[in-house]
Amino acid sequence: MKNYEKLLYDYADGIGSLRERIEEGDWWKDPYTYESLFIDIDWLTPARVTLEKVAPKKAWKRIEELDNELLRIAKVLSEKDPYVLEYLAESLGGVIPQLCHLLQVSEAETAAKS
């Protein structure tokens, strides 16, 4: 297995863990599950940041698919707890700018509700 393949696996695994946690139900109410979201983000962040630097062209279609999956998850997370989205944007916004945009939209929606 090449280095970038291991990183791609780690990134996909972290996204899979996030997806499983939010599919479990009331993740924002359960302290263990809630804390685990941040652990998952910390797990997948180095892999994604490093992929930005070392992944060959042939890997980018899969990386973009995973990024899109992460954006879908981030949207679900933001609906219940904007702080998780903020943490995700701070961690990966440099390599996935759409996360920063999603955070701005979420903050604007929250401000409009107030």
PDB file of N, CA and C in Angstrom:
ATOM      1  N   MET A   1       0.848  -1.174   0.000  1.00  0.00           N
ATOM      2  CA  MET A   1       0.000   0.000   0.000  1.00  0.00           C
ATOM      3  C   MET A   1       0.898   1.244   0.000  1.00  0.00           C
ATOM      4  N   LYS A   2       0.613   2.136  -0.909  1.00  0.00           N
ATOM      5  CA  LYS A   2       1.385   3.372  -0.998  1.00  0.00           C
ATOM      6  C   LYS A   2       0.936   4.326   0.098  1.00  0.00           C
ATOM      7  N   ASN A   3       1.794   5.275   0.427  1.00  0.00           N
ATOM      8  CA  ASN A   3       1.514   6.224   1.498  1.00  0.00           C
ATOM      9  C   ASN A   3       0.182   6.951   1.284  1.00  0.00           C
ATOM     10  N   TYR A   4      -0.053   7.442   0.078  1.00  0.00           N
ATOM     11  CA  TYR A   4      -1.299   8.181  -0.152  1.00  0.00           C
ATOM     12  C   TYR A   4      -2.516   7.264  -0.021  1.00  0.00           C
ATOM     13  N   GLU A   5      -2.367   5.977  -0.350  1.00  0.00           N
ATOM     14  CA  GLU A   5      -3.481   5.048  -0.201  1.00  0.00           C
ATOM     15  C   GLU A   5      -3.847   4.858   1.267  1.00  0.00           C
ATOM     16  N   LYS A   6      -2.855   4.801   2.129  1.00  0.00           N
ATOM     17  CA  LYS A   6      -3.096   4.706   3.575  1.00  0.00           C
ATOM     18  C   LYS A   6      -3.799   5.963   4.065  1.00  0.00           C
ATOM     19  N   LEU A   7      -3.347   7.124   3.593  1.00  0.00           N
ATOM     20  CA  LEU A   7      -3.980   8.389   3.975  1.00  0.00           C
ATOM     21  C   LEU A   7      -5.430   8.439   3.490  1.00  0.00           C
ATOM     22  N   LEU A   8      -5.656   7.980   2.281  1.00  0.00           N
ATOM     23  CA  LEU A   8      -7.002   7.953   1.727  1.00  0.00           C
ATOM     24  C   LEU A   8      -7.899   7.024   2.541  1.00  0.00           C
ATOM     25  N   TYR A   9      -7.343   5.885   2.942  1.00  0.00           N
ATOM     26  CA  TYR A   9      -8.087   4.953   3.786  1.00  0.00           C
ATOM     27  C   TYR A   9      -8.431   5.613   5.130  1.00  0.00           C
ATOM     28  N   ASP A  10      -7.463   6.280   5.743  1.00  0.00           N
ATOM     29  CA  ASP A  10      -7.701   6.940   7.033  1.00  0.00           C
ATOM     30  C   ASP A  10      -8.768   8.030   6.908  1.00  0.00           C
ATOM     31  N   TYR A  11      -8.698   8.782   5.824  1.00  0.00           N
ATOM     32  CA  TYR A  11      -9.678   9.848   5.596  1.00  0.00           C
ATOM     33  C   TYR A  11     -11.075   9.249   5.437  1.00  0.00           C
ATOM     34  N   ALA A  12     -11.193   8.227   4.608  1.00  0.00           N
ATOM     35  CA  ALA A  12     -12.487   7.568   4.396  1.00  0.00           C
ATOM     36  C   ALA A  12     -13.000   6.931   5.685  1.00  0.00           C
ATOM     37  N   ASP A  13     -12.108   6.338   6.455  1.00  0.00           N
ATOM     38  CA  ASP A  13     -12.483   5.707   7.718  1.00  0.00           C
ATOM     39  C   ASP A  13     -13.016   6.742   8.709  1.00  0.00           C
ATOM     40  N   GLY A  14     -12.360   7.883   8.790  1.00  0.00           N
ATOM     41  CA  GLY A  14     -12.820   8.950   9.682  1.00  0.00           C
ATOM     42  C   GLY A  14     -14.189   9.473   9.289  1.00  0.00           C
ATOM     43  N   ILE A  15     -14.408   9.635   8.002  1.00  0.00           N
ATOM     44  CA  ILE A  15     -15.717  10.084   7.518  1.00  0.00           C
ATOM     45  C   ILE A  15     -16.776   9.034   7.819  1.00  0.00           C
ATOM     46  N   GLY A  16     -16.429   7.761   7.629  1.00  0.00           N
ATOM     47  CA  GLY A  16     -17.360   6.682   7.950  1.00  0.00           C
ATOM     48  C   GLY A  16     -17.742   6.676   9.422  1.00  0.00           C
ATOM     49  N   SER A  17     -16.784   6.934  10.283  1.00  0.00           N
ATOM     50  CA  SER A  17     -17.066   6.994  11.724  1.00  0.00           C
ATOM     51  C   SER A  17     -18.004   8.158  12.043  1.00  0.00           C
ATOM     52  N   LEU A  18     -17.751   9.311  11.435  1.00  0.00           N
ATOM     53  CA  LEU A  18     -18.647  10.460  11.652  1.00  0.00           C
ATOM     54  C   LEU A  18     -20.069  10.119  11.211  1.00  0.00           C
ATOM     55  N   ARG A  19     -20.184   9.528  10.029  1.00  0.00           N
ATOM     56  CA  ARG A  19     -21.492   9.170   9.496  1.00  0.00           C
ATOM     57  C   ARG A  19     -22.223   8.212  10.439  1.00  0.00           C
ATOM     58  N   GLU A  20     -21.515   7.194  10.914  1.00  0.00           N
ATOM     59  CA  GLU A  20     -22.132   6.226  11.821  1.00  0.00           C
ATOM     60  C   GLU A  20     -22.618   6.899  13.099  1.00  0.00           C
ATOM     61  N   ARG A  21     -21.839   7.805  13.624  1.00  0.00           N
ATOM     62  CA  ARG A  21     -22.225   8.469  14.884  1.00  0.00           C
ATOM     63  C   ARG A  21     -23.484   9.313  14.710  1.00  0.00           C
ATOM     64  N   ILE A  22     -23.583  10.030  13.603  1.00  0.00           N
ATOM     65  CA  ILE A  22     -24.773  10.874  13.445  1.00  0.00           C
ATOM     66  C   ILE A  22     -26.004  10.045  13.068  1.00  0.00           C
ATOM     67  N   GLU A  23     -25.779   8.874  12.483  1.00  0.00           N
ATOM     68  CA  GLU A  23     -26.904   7.992  12.158  1.00  0.00           C
ATOM     69  C   GLU A  23     -27.451   7.287  13.392  1.00  0.00           C
ATOM     70  N   GLU A  24     -26.665   7.272  14.475  1.00  0.00           N
ATOM     71  CA  GLU A  24     -27.102   6.614  15.708  1.00  0.00           C
ATOM     72  C   GLU A  24     -28.282   7.329  16.354  1.00  0.00           C
ATOM     73  N   GLY A  25     -28.498   8.570  16.008  1.00  0.00           N
ATOM     74  CA  GLY A  25     -29.633   9.279  16.581  1.00  0.00           C
ATOM     75  C   GLY A  25     -29.220  10.555  17.285  1.00  0.00           C
ATOM     76  N   ASP A  26     -29.530  10.651  18.541  1.00  0.00           N
ATOM     77  CA  ASP A  26     -29.346  11.886  19.311  1.00  0.00           C
ATOM     78  C   ASP A  26     -27.899  12.098  19.736  1.00  0.00           C
ATOM     79  N   TRP A  27     -27.005  12.216  18.775  1.00  0.00           N
ATOM     80  CA  TRP A  27     -25.575  12.357  19.044  1.00  0.00           C
ATOM     81  C   TRP A  27     -25.261  13.608  19.858  1.00  0.00           C
ATOM     82  N   TRP A  28     -26.031  14.645  19.718  1.00  0.00           N
ATOM     83  CA  TRP A  28     -25.764  15.893  20.426  1.00  0.00           C
ATOM     84  C   TRP A  28     -26.166  15.820  21.895  1.00  0.00           C
ATOM     85  N   LYS A  29     -26.931  14.803  22.263  1.00  0.00           N
ATOM     86  CA  LYS A  29     -27.367  14.636  23.654  1.00  0.00           C
ATOM     87  C   LYS A  29     -26.479  13.674  24.434  1.00  0.00           C
ATOM     88  N   ASP A  30     -25.769  12.806  23.725  1.00  0.00           N
ATOM     89  CA  ASP A  30     -24.946  11.793  24.374  1.00  0.00           C
ATOM     90  C   ASP A  30     -23.507  12.289  24.463  1.00  0.00           C
ATOM     91  N   PRO A  31     -22.995  12.551  25.678  1.00  0.00           N
ATOM     92  CA  PRO A  31     -21.641  13.107  25.822  1.00  0.00           C
ATOM     93  C   PRO A  31     -20.547  12.249  25.184  1.00  0.00           C
ATOM     94  N   TYR A  32     -20.670  10.936  25.255  1.00  0.00           N
ATOM     95  CA  TYR A  32     -19.654  10.060  24.663  1.00  0.00           C
ATOM     96  C   TYR A  32     -19.630  10.213  23.140  1.00  0.00           C
ATOM     97  N   THR A  33     -20.795  10.132  22.533  1.00  0.00           N
ATOM     98  CA  THR A  33     -20.883  10.254  21.073  1.00  0.00           C
ATOM     99  C   THR A  33     -20.454  11.644  20.639  1.00  0.00           C
ATOM    100  N   TYR A  34     -20.884  12.659  21.374  1.00  0.00           N
ATOM    101  CA  TYR A  34     -20.525  14.034  21.035  1.00  0.00           C
ATOM    102  C   TYR A  34     -19.008  14.218  21.050  1.00  0.00           C
ATOM    103  N   GLU A  35     -18.356  13.758  22.090  1.00  0.00           N
ATOM    104  CA  GLU A  35     -16.895  13.862  22.192  1.00  0.00           C
ATOM    105  C   GLU A  35     -16.209  13.047  21.100  1.00  0.00           C
ATOM    106  N   SER A  36     -16.801  11.915  20.761  1.00  0.00           N
ATOM    107  CA  SER A  36     -16.227  11.068  19.716  1.00  0.00           C
ATOM    108  C   SER A  36     -16.212  11.756  18.358  1.00  0.00           C
ATOM    109  N   LEU A  37     -17.164  12.655  18.105  1.00  0.00           N
ATOM    110  CA  LEU A  37     -17.161  13.410  16.852  1.00  0.00           C
ATOM    111  C   LEU A  37     -15.856  14.199  16.702  1.00  0.00           C
ATOM    112  N   PHE A  38     -15.426  14.824  17.781  1.00  0.00           N
ATOM    113  CA  PHE A  38     -14.207  15.629  17.743  1.00  0.00           C
ATOM    114  C   PHE A  38     -12.971  14.735  17.573  1.00  0.00           C
ATOM    115  N   ILE A  39     -13.014  13.567  18.172  1.00  0.00           N
ATOM    116  CA  ILE A  39     -11.910  12.605  18.004  1.00  0.00           C
ATOM    117  C   ILE A  39     -11.839  12.157  16.544  1.00  0.00           C
ATOM    118  N   ASP A  40     -12.999  11.892  15.947  1.00  0.00           N
ATOM    119  CA  ASP A  40     -13.029  11.511  14.533  1.00  0.00           C
ATOM    120  C   ASP A  40     -12.476  12.625  13.647  1.00  0.00           C
ATOM    121  N   ILE A  41     -12.854  13.854  13.936  1.00  0.00           N
ATOM    122  CA  ILE A  41     -12.358  14.995  13.158  1.00  0.00           C
ATOM    123  C   ILE A  41     -10.845  15.103  13.309  1.00  0.00           C
ATOM    124  N   ASP A  42     -10.365  14.946  14.527  1.00  0.00           N
ATOM    125  CA  ASP A  42      -8.914  14.994  14.758  1.00  0.00           C
ATOM    126  C   ASP A  42      -8.200  13.843  14.046  1.00  0.00           C
ATOM    127  N   TRP A  43      -8.884  12.728  13.869  1.00  0.00           N
ATOM    128  CA  TRP A  43      -8.295  11.564  13.201  1.00  0.00           C
ATOM    129  C   TRP A  43      -8.190  11.797  11.691  1.00  0.00           C
ATOM    130  N   LEU A  44      -9.249  12.331  11.095  1.00  0.00           N
ATOM    131  CA  LEU A  44      -9.250  12.456   9.640  1.00  0.00           C
ATOM    132  C   LEU A  44      -8.529  13.700   9.132  1.00  0.00           C
ATOM    133  N   THR A  45      -8.367  14.708   9.977  1.00  0.00           N
ATOM    134  CA  THR A  45      -7.750  15.966   9.544  1.00  0.00           C
ATOM    135  C   THR A  45      -6.325  15.796   9.015  1.00  0.00           C
ATOM    136  N   PRO A  46      -5.405  15.154   9.747  1.00  0.00           N
ATOM    137  CA  PRO A  46      -4.040  15.039   9.213  1.00  0.00           C
ATOM    138  C   PRO A  46      -3.988  14.279   7.887  1.00  0.00           C
ATOM    139  N   ALA A  47      -4.828  13.265   7.751  1.00  0.00           N
ATOM    140  CA  ALA A  47      -4.845  12.497   6.508  1.00  0.00           C
ATOM    141  C   ALA A  47      -5.271  13.390   5.348  1.00  0.00           C
ATOM    142  N   ARG A  48      -6.342  14.168   5.540  1.00  0.00           N
ATOM    143  CA  ARG A  48      -6.837  15.017   4.448  1.00  0.00           C
ATOM    144  C   ARG A  48      -5.843  16.130   4.118  1.00  0.00           C
ATOM    145  N   VAL A  49      -5.265  16.747   5.129  1.00  0.00           N
ATOM    146  CA  VAL A  49      -4.298  17.825   4.905  1.00  0.00           C
ATOM    147  C   VAL A  49      -3.074  17.287   4.150  1.00  0.00           C
ATOM    148  N   THR A  50      -2.607  16.116   4.516  1.00  0.00           N
ATOM    149  CA  THR A  50      -1.448  15.530   3.843  1.00  0.00           C
ATOM    150  C   THR A  50      -1.801  15.101   2.424  1.00  0.00           C
ATOM    151  N   LEU A  51      -3.009  14.578   2.223  1.00  0.00           N
ATOM    152  CA  LEU A  51      -3.435  14.214   0.872  1.00  0.00           C
ATOM    153  C   LEU A  51      -3.369  15.413  -0.065  1.00  0.00           C
ATOM    154  N   GLU A  52      -3.687  16.566   0.445  1.00  0.00           N
ATOM    155  CA  GLU A  52      -3.643  17.794  -0.363  1.00  0.00           C
ATOM    156  C   GLU A  52      -2.260  17.966  -0.988  1.00  0.00           C
ATOM    157  N   LYS A  53      -1.230  17.524  -0.271  1.00  0.00           N
ATOM    158  CA  LYS A  53       0.151  17.726  -0.711  1.00  0.00           C
ATOM    159  C   LYS A  53       0.701  16.561  -1.529  1.00  0.00           C
ATOM    160  N   VAL A  54       0.276  15.327  -1.234  1.00  0.00           N
ATOM    161  CA  VAL A  54       0.965  14.167  -1.812  1.00  0.00           C
ATOM    162  C   VAL A  54       0.134  13.304  -2.758  1.00  0.00           C
ATOM    163  N   ALA A  55      -1.169  13.500  -2.801  1.00  0.00           N
ATOM    164  CA  ALA A  55      -2.011  12.611  -3.610  1.00  0.00           C
ATOM    165  C   ALA A  55      -1.761  12.817  -5.099  1.00  0.00           C
ATOM    166  N   PRO A  56      -1.645  11.708  -5.827  1.00  0.00           N
ATOM    167  CA  PRO A  56      -1.496  11.823  -7.278  1.00  0.00           C
ATOM    168  C   PRO A  56      -2.835  12.187  -7.929  1.00  0.00           C
ATOM    169  N   LYS A  57      -2.760  12.623  -9.149  1.00  0.00           N
ATOM    170  CA  LYS A  57      -3.962  13.037  -9.881  1.00  0.00           C
ATOM    171  C   LYS A  57      -5.046  11.968  -9.874  1.00  0.00           C
ATOM    172  N   LYS A  58      -4.636  10.720 -10.011  1.00  0.00           N
ATOM    173  CA  LYS A  58      -5.613   9.639 -10.108  1.00  0.00           C
ATOM    174  C   LYS A  58      -6.434   9.459  -8.827  1.00  0.00           C
ATOM    175  N   ALA A  59      -5.968   9.987  -7.708  1.00  0.00           N
ATOM    176  CA  ALA A  59      -6.677   9.839  -6.436  1.00  0.00           C
ATOM    177  C   ALA A  59      -7.691  10.951  -6.191  1.00  0.00           C
ATOM    178  N   TRP A  60      -7.654  12.014  -6.977  1.00  0.00           N
ATOM    179  CA  TRP A  60      -8.466  13.185  -6.666  1.00  0.00           C
ATOM    180  C   TRP A  60      -9.956  12.991  -6.865  1.00  0.00           C
ATOM    181  N   LYS A  61     -10.360  12.135  -7.760  1.00  0.00           N
ATOM    182  CA  LYS A  61     -11.800  11.885  -7.908  1.00  0.00           C
ATOM    183  C   LYS A  61     -12.354  11.310  -6.605  1.00  0.00           C
ATOM    184  N   ARG A  62     -11.640  10.351  -6.036  1.00  0.00           N
ATOM    185  CA  ARG A  62     -12.082   9.742  -4.772  1.00  0.00           C
ATOM    186  C   ARG A  62     -12.016  10.744  -3.621  1.00  0.00           C
ATOM    187  N   ILE A  63     -10.977  11.559  -3.590  1.00  0.00           N
ATOM    188  CA  ILE A  63     -10.861  12.577  -2.537  1.00  0.00           C
ATOM    189  C   ILE A  63     -12.033  13.547  -2.618  1.00  0.00           C
ATOM    190  N   GLU A  64     -12.385  13.968  -3.820  1.00  0.00           N
ATOM    191  CA  GLU A  64     -13.516  14.892  -3.990  1.00  0.00           C
ATOM    192  C   GLU A  64     -14.836  14.243  -3.575  1.00  0.00           C
ATOM    193  N   GLU A  65     -15.005  12.955  -3.860  1.00  0.00           N
ATOM    194  CA  GLU A  65     -16.198  12.241  -3.404  1.00  0.00           C
ATOM    195  C   GLU A  65     -16.271  12.237  -1.882  1.00  0.00           C
ATOM    196  N   LEU A  66     -15.138  11.978  -1.248  1.00  0.00           N
ATOM    197  CA  LEU A  66     -15.099  11.972   0.218  1.00  0.00           C
ATOM    198  C   LEU A  66     -15.333  13.373   0.782  1.00  0.00           C
ATOM    199  N   ASP A  67     -14.758  14.380   0.148  1.00  0.00           N
ATOM    200  CA  ASP A  67     -15.000  15.761   0.576  1.00  0.00           C
ATOM    201  C   ASP A  67     -16.492  16.084   0.520  1.00  0.00           C
ATOM    202  N   ASN A  68     -17.161  15.660  -0.559  1.00  0.00           N
ATOM    203  CA  ASN A  68     -18.596  15.909  -0.686  1.00  0.00           C
ATOM    204  C   ASN A  68     -19.391  15.183   0.390  1.00  0.00           C
ATOM    205  N   GLU A  69     -18.982  13.970   0.705  1.00  0.00           N
ATOM    206  CA  GLU A  69     -19.624  13.230   1.796  1.00  0.00           C
ATOM    207  C   GLU A  69     -19.428  13.976   3.122  1.00  0.00           C
ATOM    208  N   LEU A  70     -18.230  14.475   3.341  1.00  0.00           N
ATOM    209  CA  LEU A  70     -17.950  15.227   4.564  1.00  0.00           C
ATOM    210  C   LEU A  70     -18.790  16.507   4.622  1.00  0.00           C
ATOM    211  N   LEU A  71     -18.989  17.160   3.499  1.00  0.00           N
ATOM    212  CA  LEU A  71     -19.830  18.358   3.465  1.00  0.00           C
ATOM    213  C   LEU A  71     -21.285  18.024   3.801  1.00  0.00           C
ATOM    214  N   ARG A  72     -21.774  16.896   3.316  1.00  0.00           N
ATOM    215  CA  ARG A  72     -23.144  16.468   3.662  1.00  0.00           C
ATOM    216  C   ARG A  72     -23.255  16.210   5.169  1.00  0.00           C
ATOM    217  N   ILE A  73     -22.257  15.557   5.725  1.00  0.00           N
ATOM    218  CA  ILE A  73     -22.240  15.293   7.163  1.00  0.00           C
ATOM    219  C   ILE A  73     -22.164  16.605   7.935  1.00  0.00           C
ATOM    220  N   ALA A  74     -21.327  17.517   7.474  1.00  0.00           N
ATOM    221  CA  ALA A  74     -21.171  18.811   8.152  1.00  0.00           C
ATOM    222  C   ALA A  74     -22.492  19.568   8.189  1.00  0.00           C
ATOM    223  N   LYS A  75     -23.264  19.484   7.122  1.00  0.00           N
ATOM    224  CA  LYS A  75     -24.555  20.160   7.094  1.00  0.00           C
ATOM    225  C   LYS A  75     -25.494  19.576   8.149  1.00  0.00           C
ATOM    226  N   VAL A  76     -25.513  18.261   8.276  1.00  0.00           N
ATOM    227  CA  VAL A  76     -26.339  17.608   9.297  1.00  0.00           C
ATOM    228  C   VAL A  76     -25.863  18.032  10.691  1.00  0.00           C
ATOM    229  N   LEU A  77     -24.552  18.033  10.893  1.00  0.00           N
ATOM    230  CA  LEU A  77     -24.006  18.431  12.189  1.00  0.00           C
ATOM    231  C   LEU A  77     -24.395  19.865  12.535  1.00  0.00           C
ATOM    232  N   SER A  78     -24.343  20.744  11.556  1.00  0.00           N
ATOM    233  CA  SER A  78     -24.620  22.164  11.809  1.00  0.00           C
ATOM    234  C   SER A  78     -26.067  22.402  12.213  1.00  0.00           C
ATOM    235  N   GLU A  79     -26.966  21.530  11.787  1.00  0.00           N
ATOM    236  CA  GLU A  79     -28.378  21.705  12.128  1.00  0.00           C
ATOM    237  C   GLU A  79     -28.635  21.498  13.613  1.00  0.00           C
ATOM    238  N   LYS A  80     -27.804  20.692  14.271  1.00  0.00           N
ATOM    239  CA  LYS A  80     -28.003  20.413  15.695  1.00  0.00           C
ATOM    240  C   LYS A  80     -27.003  21.138  16.578  1.00  0.00           C
ATOM    241  N   ASP A  81     -25.787  21.330  16.093  1.00  0.00           N
ATOM    242  CA  ASP A  81     -24.758  21.954  16.915  1.00  0.00           C
ATOM    243  C   ASP A  81     -23.735  22.657  16.032  1.00  0.00           C
ATOM    244  N   PRO A  82     -23.871  23.974  15.875  1.00  0.00           N
ATOM    245  CA  PRO A  82     -22.960  24.720  15.013  1.00  0.00           C
ATOM    246  C   PRO A  82     -21.494  24.648  15.465  1.00  0.00           C
ATOM    247  N   TYR A  83     -21.258  24.348  16.737  1.00  0.00           N
ATOM    248  CA  TYR A  83     -19.875  24.297  17.212  1.00  0.00           C
ATOM    249  C   TYR A  83     -19.088  23.178  16.540  1.00  0.00           C
ATOM    250  N   VAL A  84     -19.742  22.053  16.281  1.00  0.00           N
ATOM    251  CA  VAL A  84     -19.056  20.949  15.610  1.00  0.00           C
ATOM    252  C   VAL A  84     -18.648  21.380  14.202  1.00  0.00           C
ATOM    253  N   LEU A  85     -19.541  22.086  13.515  1.00  0.00           N
ATOM    254  CA  LEU A  85     -19.208  22.599  12.182  1.00  0.00           C
ATOM    255  C   LEU A  85     -18.066  23.607  12.269  1.00  0.00           C
ATOM    256  N   GLU A  86     -18.089  24.456  13.272  1.00  0.00           N
ATOM    257  CA  GLU A  86     -17.008  25.430  13.451  1.00  0.00           C
ATOM    258  C   GLU A  86     -15.669  24.721  13.645  1.00  0.00           C
ATOM    259  N   TYR A  87     -15.662  23.683  14.456  1.00  0.00           N
ATOM    260  CA  TYR A  87     -14.434  22.910  14.691  1.00  0.00           C
ATOM    261  C   TYR A  87     -13.947  22.249  13.405  1.00  0.00           C
ATOM    262  N   LEU A  88     -14.875  21.709  12.651  1.00  0.00           N
ATOM    263  CA  LEU A  88     -14.544  21.074  11.379  1.00  0.00           C
ATOM    264  C   LEU A  88     -13.978  22.098  10.394  1.00  0.00           C
ATOM    265  N   ALA A  89     -14.592  23.266  10.326  1.00  0.00           N
ATOM    266  CA  ALA A  89     -14.110  24.321   9.425  1.00  0.00           C
ATOM    267  C   ALA A  89     -12.730  24.820   9.847  1.00  0.00           C
ATOM    268  N   GLU A  90     -12.501  24.948  11.144  1.00  0.00           N
ATOM    269  CA  GLU A  90     -11.177  25.365  11.623  1.00  0.00           C
ATOM    270  C   GLU A  90     -10.126  24.300  11.298  1.00  0.00           C
ATOM    271  N   SER A  91     -10.518  23.039  11.366  1.00  0.00           N
ATOM    272  CA  SER A  91      -9.579  21.951  11.123  1.00  0.00           C
ATOM    273  C   SER A  91      -9.269  21.763   9.642  1.00  0.00           C
ATOM    274  N   LEU A  92     -10.289  21.868   8.796  1.00  0.00           N
ATOM    275  CA  LEU A  92     -10.123  21.504   7.388  1.00  0.00           C
ATOM    276  C   LEU A  92     -10.477  22.612   6.398  1.00  0.00           C
ATOM    277  N   GLY A  93     -10.862  23.771   6.883  1.00  0.00           N
ATOM    278  CA  GLY A  93     -11.253  24.859   5.987  1.00  0.00           C
ATOM    279  C   GLY A  93     -10.158  25.285   5.031  1.00  0.00           C
ATOM    280  N   GLY A  94      -8.908  25.081   5.416  1.00  0.00           N
ATOM    281  CA  GLY A  94      -7.802  25.438   4.544  1.00  0.00           C
ATOM    282  C   GLY A  94      -7.702  24.561   3.311  1.00  0.00           C
ATOM    283  N   VAL A  95      -8.187  23.339   3.396  1.00  0.00           N
ATOM    284  CA  VAL A  95      -8.126  22.426   2.246  1.00  0.00           C
ATOM    285  C   VAL A  95      -9.511  22.154   1.647  1.00  0.00           C
ATOM    286  N   ILE A  96     -10.558  22.439   2.394  1.00  0.00           N
ATOM    287  CA  ILE A  96     -11.932  22.294   1.889  1.00  0.00           C
ATOM    288  C   ILE A  96     -12.663  23.618   2.184  1.00  0.00           C
ATOM    289  N   PRO A  97     -12.473  24.617   1.335  1.00  0.00           N
ATOM    290  CA  PRO A  97     -13.041  25.944   1.593  1.00  0.00           C
ATOM    291  C   PRO A  97     -14.567  25.949   1.725  1.00  0.00           C
ATOM    292  N   GLN A  98     -15.229  24.964   1.143  1.00  0.00           N
ATOM    293  CA  GLN A  98     -16.686  24.903   1.249  1.00  0.00           C
ATOM    294  C   GLN A  98     -17.141  24.773   2.694  1.00  0.00           C
ATOM    295  N   LEU A  99     -16.299  24.222   3.560  1.00  0.00           N
ATOM    296  CA  LEU A  99     -16.642  24.118   4.983  1.00  0.00           C
ATOM    297  C   LEU A  99     -16.761  25.511   5.600  1.00  0.00           C
ATOM    298  N   CYS A 100     -15.860  26.409   5.226  1.00  0.00           N
ATOM    299  CA  CYS A 100     -15.918  27.783   5.731  1.00  0.00           C
ATOM    300  C   CYS A 100     -17.183  28.477   5.229  1.00  0.00           C
ATOM    301  N   HIS A 101     -17.527  28.229   3.973  1.00  0.00           N
ATOM    302  CA  HIS A 101     -18.754  28.804   3.426  1.00  0.00           C
ATOM    303  C   HIS A 101     -19.982  28.261   4.159  1.00  0.00           C
ATOM    304  N   LEU A 102     -20.006  26.964   4.397  1.00  0.00           N
ATOM    305  CA  LEU A 102     -21.111  26.346   5.121  1.00  0.00           C
ATOM    306  C   LEU A 102     -21.225  26.936   6.526  1.00  0.00           C
ATOM    307  N   LEU A 103     -20.094  27.183   7.167  1.00  0.00           N
ATOM    308  CA  LEU A 103     -20.103  27.800   8.495  1.00  0.00           C
ATOM    309  C   LEU A 103     -20.682  29.213   8.429  1.00  0.00           C
ATOM    310  N   GLN A 104     -20.301  29.979   7.430  1.00  0.00           N
ATOM    311  CA  GLN A 104     -20.831  31.345   7.278  1.00  0.00           C
ATOM    312  C   GLN A 104     -22.341  31.326   7.079  1.00  0.00           C
ATOM    313  N   VAL A 105     -22.818  30.413   6.261  1.00  0.00           N
ATOM    314  CA  VAL A 105     -24.254  30.282   6.020  1.00  0.00           C
ATOM    315  C   VAL A 105     -24.971  29.909   7.314  1.00  0.00           C
ATOM    316  N   SER A 106     -24.412  28.958   8.033  1.00  0.00           N
ATOM    317  CA  SER A 106     -24.998  28.518   9.301  1.00  0.00           C
ATOM    318  C   SER A 106     -25.063  29.660  10.314  1.00  0.00           C
ATOM    319  N   GLU A 107     -23.966  30.433  10.405  1.00  0.00           N
ATOM    320  CA  GLU A 107     -23.947  31.564  11.323  1.00  0.00           C
ATOM    321  C   GLU A 107     -24.969  32.629  10.919  1.00  0.00           C
ATOM    322  N   ALA A 108     -25.101  32.862   9.627  1.00  0.00           N
ATOM    323  CA  ALA A 108     -26.095  33.850   9.138  1.00  0.00           C
ATOM    324  C   ALA A 108     -27.508  33.385   9.457  1.00  0.00           C
ATOM    325  N   GLU A 109     -27.775  32.100   9.277  1.00  0.00           N
ATOM    326  CA  GLU A 109     -29.105  31.561   9.583  1.00  0.00           C
ATOM    327  C   GLU A 109     -29.409  31.666  11.070  1.00  0.00           C
ATOM    328  N   THR A 110     -28.401  31.398  11.896  1.00  0.00           N
ATOM    329  CA  THR A 110     -28.574  31.509  13.347  1.00  0.00           C
ATOM    330  C   THR A 110     -28.845  32.953  13.743  1.00  0.00           C
ATOM    331  N   ALA A 111     -28.111  33.881  13.155  1.00  0.00           N
ATOM    332  CA  ALA A 111     -28.306  35.298  13.454  1.00  0.00           C
ATOM    333  C   ALA A 111     -29.673  35.768  13.008  1.00  0.00           C
ATOM    334  N   ALA A 112     -30.143  35.274  11.890  1.00  0.00           N
ATOM    335  CA  ALA A 112     -31.461  35.665  11.374  1.00  0.00           C
ATOM    336  C   ALA A 112     -32.581  35.169  12.275  1.00  0.00           C
ATOM    337  N   LYS A 113     -32.380  34.028  12.935  1.00  0.00           N
ATOM    338  CA  LYS A 113     -33.385  33.479  13.837  1.00  0.00           C
ATOM    339  C   LYS A 113     -33.466  34.249  15.146  1.00  0.00           C
ATOM    340  N   SER A 114     -32.382  34.944  15.487  1.00  0.00           N
ATOM    341  CA  SER A 114     -32.339  35.648  16.780  1.00  0.00           C
ATOM    342  C   SER A 114     -33.128  36.925  16.780  1.00  0.00           C
TER     343      SER A 114
END
